[in-house]
Amino acid sequence: MACTTPTFENLTVPSNFSLNRFLGRWYEVKWLPGESHNESDIWRDFSQEFQLENNVSQRLIVAGKARLPNQAQCFSVGPWSILANNSAKMILETQTINSNTTLNWPYYVVKIDYDHYALVYGCMSQNYTSNDACEEPILWLFSRTKSLSTDYSNPLDNYIENTLCINLTKLEITPQSETSCYSSSSLKNYSMNKIIIFNLLILYSFLIRK
């Protein structure tokens, strides 16, 4: 039986979606790009930090980090701006916060358990309407850790293939290495700097009172 691509109007998203539980760091497991890439062009260790700009606007600021193949240093991605005032049915406004180009792509969290995985489905079509099937879909599978158990990924693959009608062979896997873009050394350096500054302040206070 042929698979019929759903419209966004007919997509089911999680009920009682919790934006606060969605926040935080997510590692990209795999995604559906607009066009295929050579293995040598695929980013490594890509992750994103979802933070709430403020409670009034319900806008997310999403900063990413990744590294190129055979590169030790990570680079920054974004930050993206996502409007999140309609539960799991979000809107990706821009992919750089000061961009003059507004995307307004649907950014729907269609599957999530908050602690392990999140599956996001979007549309890049310029003349997109919610009651038509998307001609240029985009998809991200995220994990809270650098790998996702098949206990979670297999049912999600089934949903991607049989509900969203996306061929799994079109998805690109995002390699995640043991070397994080969020190194513990930077946190240690930050803590050491705080200690040094604190000690200097004590010394300064002692000297001016002599």
C-alpha atoms as a PDB file:
ATOM      1  CA  MET A   1       0.000   0.000   0.000  1.00  0.00           C
ATOM      2  CA  ALA A   2       1.426   3.379  -1.040  1.00  0.00           C
ATOM      3  CA  CYS A   3       2.356   5.842   1.700  1.00  0.00           C
ATOM      4  CA  THR A   4       0.564   9.195   1.581  1.00  0.00           C
ATOM      5  CA  THR A   5       2.602  12.125   2.846  1.00  0.00           C
ATOM      6  CA  PRO A   6       0.646  13.816   5.644  1.00  0.00           C
ATOM      7  CA  THR A   7      -0.134  17.516   5.667  1.00  0.00           C
ATOM      8  CA  PHE A   8       0.989  19.509   8.683  1.00  0.00           C
ATOM      9  CA  GLU A   9      -2.639  20.225   9.405  1.00  0.00           C
ATOM     10  CA  ASN A  10      -3.208  16.498   9.922  1.00  0.00           C
ATOM     11  CA  LEU A  11      -0.009  15.726  11.808  1.00  0.00           C
ATOM     12  CA  THR A  12      -0.410  14.529  15.381  1.00  0.00           C
ATOM     13  CA  VAL A  13       1.971  16.008  17.940  1.00  0.00           C
ATOM     14  CA  PRO A  14       2.399  14.965  21.584  1.00  0.00           C
ATOM     15  CA  SER A  15      -0.410  16.104  23.850  1.00  0.00           C
ATOM     16  CA  ASN A  16       0.562  18.117  26.936  1.00  0.00           C
ATOM     17  CA  PHE A  17       3.882  19.027  25.332  1.00  0.00           C
ATOM     18  CA  SER A  18       6.290  20.491  27.912  1.00  0.00           C
ATOM     19  CA  LEU A  19       8.486  23.220  26.467  1.00  0.00           C
ATOM     20  CA  ASN A  20      10.581  23.413  29.625  1.00  0.00           C
ATOM     21  CA  ARG A  21      11.401  19.695  29.451  1.00  0.00           C
ATOM     22  CA  PHE A  22      12.315  20.068  25.788  1.00  0.00           C
ATOM     23  CA  LEU A  23      14.922  22.720  26.588  1.00  0.00           C
ATOM     24  CA  GLY A  24      18.595  21.902  26.948  1.00  0.00           C
ATOM     25  CA  ARG A  25      21.153  20.097  24.835  1.00  0.00           C
ATOM     26  CA  TRP A  26      20.246  17.694  22.036  1.00  0.00           C
ATOM     27  CA  TYR A  27      22.716  15.732  19.903  1.00  0.00           C
ATOM     28  CA  GLU A  28      21.807  15.193  16.265  1.00  0.00           C
ATOM     29  CA  VAL A  29      21.630  11.475  15.435  1.00  0.00           C
ATOM     30  CA  LYS A  30      20.562  11.834  11.811  1.00  0.00           C
ATOM     31  CA  TRP A  31      18.651  14.221   9.614  1.00  0.00           C
ATOM     32  CA  LEU A  32      17.001  14.683   6.244  1.00  0.00           C
ATOM     33  CA  PRO A  33      18.859  17.410   4.325  1.00  0.00           C
ATOM     34  CA  GLY A  34      17.567  19.307   1.342  1.00  0.00           C
ATOM     35  CA  GLU A  35      20.271  17.661  -0.747  1.00  0.00           C
ATOM     36  CA  SER A  36      22.671  14.766  -0.209  1.00  0.00           C
ATOM     37  CA  HIS A  37      26.246  15.400   0.909  1.00  0.00           C
ATOM     38  CA  ASN A  38      29.514  13.610   0.418  1.00  0.00           C
ATOM     39  CA  GLU A  39      30.800  11.850   3.509  1.00  0.00           C
ATOM     40  CA  SER A  40      33.689  14.323   3.666  1.00  0.00           C
ATOM     41  CA  ASP A  41      31.247  17.248   3.890  1.00  0.00           C
ATOM     42  CA  ILE A  42      29.090  15.945   6.745  1.00  0.00           C
ATOM     43  CA  TRP A  43      29.494  17.789  10.027  1.00  0.00           C
ATOM     44  CA  ARG A  44      30.646  15.855  13.062  1.00  0.00           C
ATOM     45  CA  ASP A  45      29.542  16.153  16.694  1.00  0.00           C
ATOM     46  CA  PHE A  46      26.638  18.475  15.885  1.00  0.00           C
ATOM     47  CA  SER A  47      24.508  19.429  18.853  1.00  0.00           C
ATOM     48  CA  GLN A  48      22.198  22.281  19.780  1.00  0.00           C
ATOM     49  CA  GLU A  49      21.302  24.055  23.012  1.00  0.00           C
ATOM     50  CA  PHE A  50      17.643  25.121  23.197  1.00  0.00           C
ATOM     51  CA  GLN A  51      17.115  28.054  25.548  1.00  0.00           C
ATOM     52  CA  LEU A  52      14.032  30.135  26.217  1.00  0.00           C
ATOM     53  CA  GLU A  53      14.603  33.795  25.362  1.00  0.00           C
ATOM     54  CA  ASN A  54      11.827  34.913  27.709  1.00  0.00           C
ATOM     55  CA  ASN A  55       8.437  33.721  28.938  1.00  0.00           C
ATOM     56  CA  VAL A  56       6.565  36.510  27.198  1.00  0.00           C
ATOM     57  CA  SER A  57       7.584  35.904  23.591  1.00  0.00           C
ATOM     58  CA  GLN A  58       7.929  32.113  23.959  1.00  0.00           C
ATOM     59  CA  ARG A  59      10.865  32.287  21.550  1.00  0.00           C
ATOM     60  CA  LEU A  60      13.755  29.839  21.635  1.00  0.00           C
ATOM     61  CA  ILE A  61      17.340  30.824  20.969  1.00  0.00           C
ATOM     62  CA  VAL A  62      19.156  27.752  19.659  1.00  0.00           C
ATOM     63  CA  ALA A  63      22.952  27.782  19.573  1.00  0.00           C
ATOM     64  CA  GLY A  64      24.755  24.921  17.884  1.00  0.00           C
ATOM     65  CA  LYS A  65      28.251  23.489  17.774  1.00  0.00           C
ATOM     66  CA  ALA A  66      29.868  21.131  15.275  1.00  0.00           C
ATOM     67  CA  ARG A  67      33.214  20.282  13.706  1.00  0.00           C
ATOM     68  CA  LEU A  68      34.339  19.518  10.193  1.00  0.00           C
ATOM     69  CA  PRO A  69      35.931  16.148   9.317  1.00  0.00           C
ATOM     70  CA  ASN A  70      39.527  15.798  10.508  1.00  0.00           C
ATOM     71  CA  GLN A  71      39.303  19.054  12.457  1.00  0.00           C
ATOM     72  CA  ALA A  72      39.960  19.323  16.180  1.00  0.00           C
ATOM     73  CA  GLN A  73      38.252  22.659  16.756  1.00  0.00           C
ATOM     74  CA  CYS A  74      34.491  23.076  16.790  1.00  0.00           C
ATOM     75  CA  PHE A  75      32.656  25.972  15.207  1.00  0.00           C
ATOM     76  CA  SER A  76      29.421  27.699  16.187  1.00  0.00           C
ATOM     77  CA  VAL A  77      26.144  27.292  14.320  1.00  0.00           C
ATOM     78  CA  GLY A  78      23.397  29.906  14.445  1.00  0.00           C
ATOM     79  CA  PRO A  79      21.936  30.784  16.803  1.00  0.00           C
ATOM     80  CA  TRP A  80      18.544  29.893  15.386  1.00  0.00           C
ATOM     81  CA  SER A  81      15.356  31.669  16.395  1.00  0.00           C
ATOM     82  CA  ILE A  82      12.307  29.446  16.926  1.00  0.00           C
ATOM     83  CA  LEU A  83       8.836  30.660  17.850  1.00  0.00           C
ATOM     84  CA  ALA A  84       7.372  28.243  20.387  1.00  0.00           C
ATOM     85  CA  ASN A  85       4.019  29.745  21.353  1.00  0.00           C
ATOM     86  CA  ASN A  86       1.891  26.881  20.012  1.00  0.00           C
ATOM     87  CA  SER A  87       2.926  23.832  22.005  1.00  0.00           C
ATOM     88  CA  ALA A  88       4.914  21.314  19.899  1.00  0.00           C
ATOM     89  CA  LYS A  89       3.970  23.133  16.675  1.00  0.00           C
ATOM     90  CA  MET A  90       6.835  25.574  16.449  1.00  0.00           C
ATOM     91  CA  ILE A  91       8.093  27.875  13.694  1.00  0.00           C
ATOM     92  CA  LEU A  92      11.750  28.111  12.682  1.00  0.00           C
ATOM     93  CA  GLU A  93      12.049  31.836  12.019  1.00  0.00           C
ATOM     94  CA  THR A  94      15.733  32.300  11.178  1.00  0.00           C
ATOM     95  CA  GLN A  95      18.921  30.219  11.207  1.00  0.00           C
ATOM     96  CA  THR A  96      21.016  33.205  12.272  1.00  0.00           C
ATOM     97  CA  ILE A  97      19.454  35.474  14.834  1.00  0.00           C
ATOM     98  CA  ASN A  98      20.309  38.746  13.057  1.00  0.00           C
ATOM     99  CA  SER A  99      19.407  37.483   9.595  1.00  0.00           C
ATOM    100  CA  ASN A 100      17.219  39.590   7.341  1.00  0.00           C
ATOM    101  CA  THR A 101      15.922  36.400   5.723  1.00  0.00           C
ATOM    102  CA  THR A 102      12.863  35.050   7.510  1.00  0.00           C
ATOM    103  CA  LEU A 103      12.207  31.356   6.912  1.00  0.00           C
ATOM    104  CA  ASN A 104       8.990  30.665   8.839  1.00  0.00           C
ATOM    105  CA  TRP A 105       9.407  26.911   8.383  1.00  0.00           C
ATOM    106  CA  PRO A 106       7.099  24.682  10.419  1.00  0.00           C
ATOM    107  CA  TYR A 107       9.181  22.967  13.098  1.00  0.00           C
ATOM    108  CA  TYR A 108       6.985  20.280  14.668  1.00  0.00           C
ATOM    109  CA  VAL A 109       8.130  18.041  17.507  1.00  0.00           C
ATOM    110  CA  VAL A 110       6.241  14.939  16.415  1.00  0.00           C
ATOM    111  CA  LYS A 111       7.798  12.404  18.803  1.00  0.00           C
ATOM    112  CA  ILE A 112       9.544  12.972  22.136  1.00  0.00           C
ATOM    113  CA  ASP A 113      10.138  11.333  25.493  1.00  0.00           C
ATOM    114  CA  TYR A 114      12.282  14.269  26.763  1.00  0.00           C
ATOM    115  CA  ASP A 115      14.943  12.030  28.379  1.00  0.00           C
ATOM    116  CA  HIS A 116      16.156  10.113  25.332  1.00  0.00           C
ATOM    117  CA  TYR A 117      14.879  11.294  21.948  1.00  0.00           C
ATOM    118  CA  ALA A 118      13.084  14.010  20.025  1.00  0.00           C
ATOM    119  CA  LEU A 119      11.956  13.804  16.405  1.00  0.00           C
ATOM    120  CA  VAL A 120      11.367  17.101  14.609  1.00  0.00           C
ATOM    121  CA  TYR A 121       9.660  17.412  11.224  1.00  0.00           C
ATOM    122  CA  GLY A 122       9.703  20.580   9.126  1.00  0.00           C
ATOM    123  CA  CYS A 123       9.146  21.974   5.665  1.00  0.00           C
ATOM    124  CA  MET A 124      11.428  24.152   3.532  1.00  0.00           C
ATOM    125  CA  SER A 125       8.976  24.739   0.652  1.00  0.00           C
ATOM    126  CA  GLN A 126       8.660  28.448  -0.156  1.00  0.00           C
ATOM    127  CA  ASN A 127       4.927  28.333  -0.911  1.00  0.00           C
ATOM    128  CA  TYR A 128       4.125  25.947   1.917  1.00  0.00           C
ATOM    129  CA  THR A 129       0.565  25.751   3.240  1.00  0.00           C
ATOM    130  CA  SER A 130      -0.519  23.645   6.194  1.00  0.00           C
ATOM    131  CA  ASN A 131      -3.209  21.785   4.236  1.00  0.00           C
ATOM    132  CA  ASP A 132      -0.863  20.610   1.462  1.00  0.00           C
ATOM    133  CA  ALA A 133       1.798  17.919   1.576  1.00  0.00           C
ATOM    134  CA  CYS A 134       5.292  19.404   1.869  1.00  0.00           C
ATOM    135  CA  GLU A 135       7.406  19.166  -1.282  1.00  0.00           C
ATOM    136  CA  GLU A 136      10.696  19.833   0.539  1.00  0.00           C
ATOM    137  CA  PRO A 137      10.524  18.176   3.963  1.00  0.00           C
ATOM    138  CA  ILE A 138      13.317  18.367   6.498  1.00  0.00           C
ATOM    139  CA  LEU A 139      13.726  16.198   9.576  1.00  0.00           C
ATOM    140  CA  TRP A 140      15.984  15.894  12.620  1.00  0.00           C
ATOM    141  CA  LEU A 141      16.337  13.000  15.040  1.00  0.00           C
ATOM    142  CA  PHE A 142      17.897  14.141  18.313  1.00  0.00           C
ATOM    143  CA  SER A 143      19.199  12.274  21.329  1.00  0.00           C
ATOM    144  CA  ARG A 144      20.053  13.491  24.829  1.00  0.00           C
ATOM    145  CA  THR A 145      23.280  11.500  24.553  1.00  0.00           C
ATOM    146  CA  LYS A 146      25.685  10.893  21.674  1.00  0.00           C
ATOM    147  CA  SER A 147      24.033   7.629  20.711  1.00  0.00           C
ATOM    148  CA  LEU A 148      20.459   6.405  20.656  1.00  0.00           C
ATOM    149  CA  SER A 149      19.464   2.857  21.546  1.00  0.00           C
ATOM    150  CA  THR A 150      17.687   0.828  18.877  1.00  0.00           C
ATOM    151  CA  ASP A 151      14.898   0.401  21.432  1.00  0.00           C
ATOM    152  CA  TYR A 152      14.050   4.013  20.610  1.00  0.00           C
ATOM    153  CA  SER A 153      15.390   4.454  17.081  1.00  0.00           C
ATOM    154  CA  ASN A 154      13.645   1.452  15.514  1.00  0.00           C
ATOM    155  CA  PRO A 155      10.073   2.619  16.329  1.00  0.00           C
ATOM    156  CA  LEU A 156      11.048   6.131  15.209  1.00  0.00           C
ATOM    157  CA  ASP A 157      12.383   4.770  11.903  1.00  0.00           C
ATOM    158  CA  ASN A 158       9.077   2.987  11.420  1.00  0.00           C
ATOM    159  CA  TYR A 159       7.201   6.254  12.002  1.00  0.00           C
ATOM    160  CA  ILE A 160       9.498   8.161   9.635  1.00  0.00           C
ATOM    161  CA  GLU A 161       9.026   5.609   6.875  1.00  0.00           C
ATOM    162  CA  ASN A 162       5.359   4.684   7.247  1.00  0.00           C
ATOM    163  CA  THR A 163       3.763   7.885   8.578  1.00  0.00           C
ATOM    164  CA  LEU A 164       5.953  10.668   7.229  1.00  0.00           C
ATOM    165  CA  CYS A 165       6.630   8.649   4.047  1.00  0.00           C
ATOM    166  CA  ILE A 166      10.349   9.408   4.063  1.00  0.00           C
ATOM    167  CA  ASN A 167      12.789   6.893   2.628  1.00  0.00           C
ATOM    168  CA  LEU A 168      15.252   6.052   5.402  1.00  0.00           C
ATOM    169  CA  THR A 169      18.113   5.823   2.909  1.00  0.00           C
ATOM    170  CA  LYS A 170      17.789   9.572   2.343  1.00  0.00           C
ATOM    171  CA  LEU A 171      18.674  10.329   5.964  1.00  0.00           C
ATOM    172  CA  GLU A 172      22.256  11.265   6.770  1.00  0.00           C
ATOM    173  CA  ILE A 173      23.819   9.968   9.970  1.00  0.00           C
ATOM    174  CA  THR A 174      25.675  12.558  12.039  1.00  0.00           C
ATOM    175  CA  PRO A 175      28.900  11.069  13.441  1.00  0.00           C
ATOM    176  CA  GLN A 176      29.386  11.721  17.148  1.00  0.00           C
ATOM    177  CA  SER A 177      32.879  11.201  18.574  1.00  0.00           C
ATOM    178  CA  GLU A 178      34.103  10.863  22.131  1.00  0.00           C
ATOM    179  CA  THR A 179      35.598  14.356  21.910  1.00  0.00           C
ATOM    180  CA  SER A 180      32.812  16.733  22.798  1.00  0.00           C
ATOM    181  CA  CYS A 181      32.505  20.300  21.586  1.00  0.00           C
ATOM    182  CA  TYR A 182      31.656  21.052  25.222  1.00  0.00           C
ATOM    183  CA  SER A 183      34.938  19.997  26.807  1.00  0.00           C
ATOM    184  CA  SER A 184      35.235  19.623  30.555  1.00  0.00           C
ATOM    185  CA  SER A 185      38.557  21.495  30.376  1.00  0.00           C
ATOM    186  CA  SER A 186      36.775  24.726  29.511  1.00  0.00           C
ATOM    187  CA  LEU A 187      34.613  24.322  32.592  1.00  0.00           C
ATOM    188  CA  LYS A 188      37.713  23.660  34.693  1.00  0.00           C
ATOM    189  CA  ASN A 189      39.407  26.755  33.291  1.00  0.00           C
ATOM    190  CA  TYR A 190      36.319  28.809  34.050  1.00  0.00           C
ATOM    191  CA  SER A 191      36.311  27.533  37.648  1.00  0.00           C
ATOM    192  CA  MET A 192      40.037  28.193  38.028  1.00  0.00           C
ATOM    193  CA  ASN A 193      39.594  31.739  36.739  1.00  0.00           C
ATOM    194  CA  LYS A 194      36.865  32.340  39.289  1.00  0.00           C
ATOM    195  CA  ILE A 195      39.163  31.111  42.079  1.00  0.00           C
ATOM    196  CA  ILE A 196      42.041  33.314  40.885  1.00  0.00           C
ATOM    197  CA  ILE A 197      39.806  36.390  40.703  1.00  0.00           C
ATOM    198  CA  PHE A 198      38.414  35.658  44.167  1.00  0.00           C
ATOM    199  CA  ASN A 199      41.917  35.338  45.623  1.00  0.00           C
ATOM    200  CA  LEU A 200      43.012  38.586  43.954  1.00  0.00           C
ATOM    201  CA  LEU A 201      40.042  40.376  45.466  1.00  0.00           C
ATOM    202  CA  ILE A 202      40.977  39.103  48.924  1.00  0.00           C
ATOM    203  CA  LEU A 203      44.584  40.206  48.411  1.00  0.00           C
ATOM    204  CA  TYR A 204      43.445  43.624  47.186  1.00  0.00           C
ATOM    205  CA  SER A 205      41.166  44.059  50.220  1.00  0.00           C
ATOM    206  CA  PHE A 206      44.059  43.121  52.525  1.00  0.00           C
ATOM    207  CA  LEU A 207      46.468  45.579  50.878  1.00  0.00           C
ATOM    208  CA  ILE A 208      44.165  48.603  50.950  1.00  0.00           C
ATOM    209  CA  ARG A 209      43.516  48.067  54.654  1.00  0.00           C
ATOM    210  CA  LYS A 210      47.197  47.989  55.611  1.00  0.00           C
END
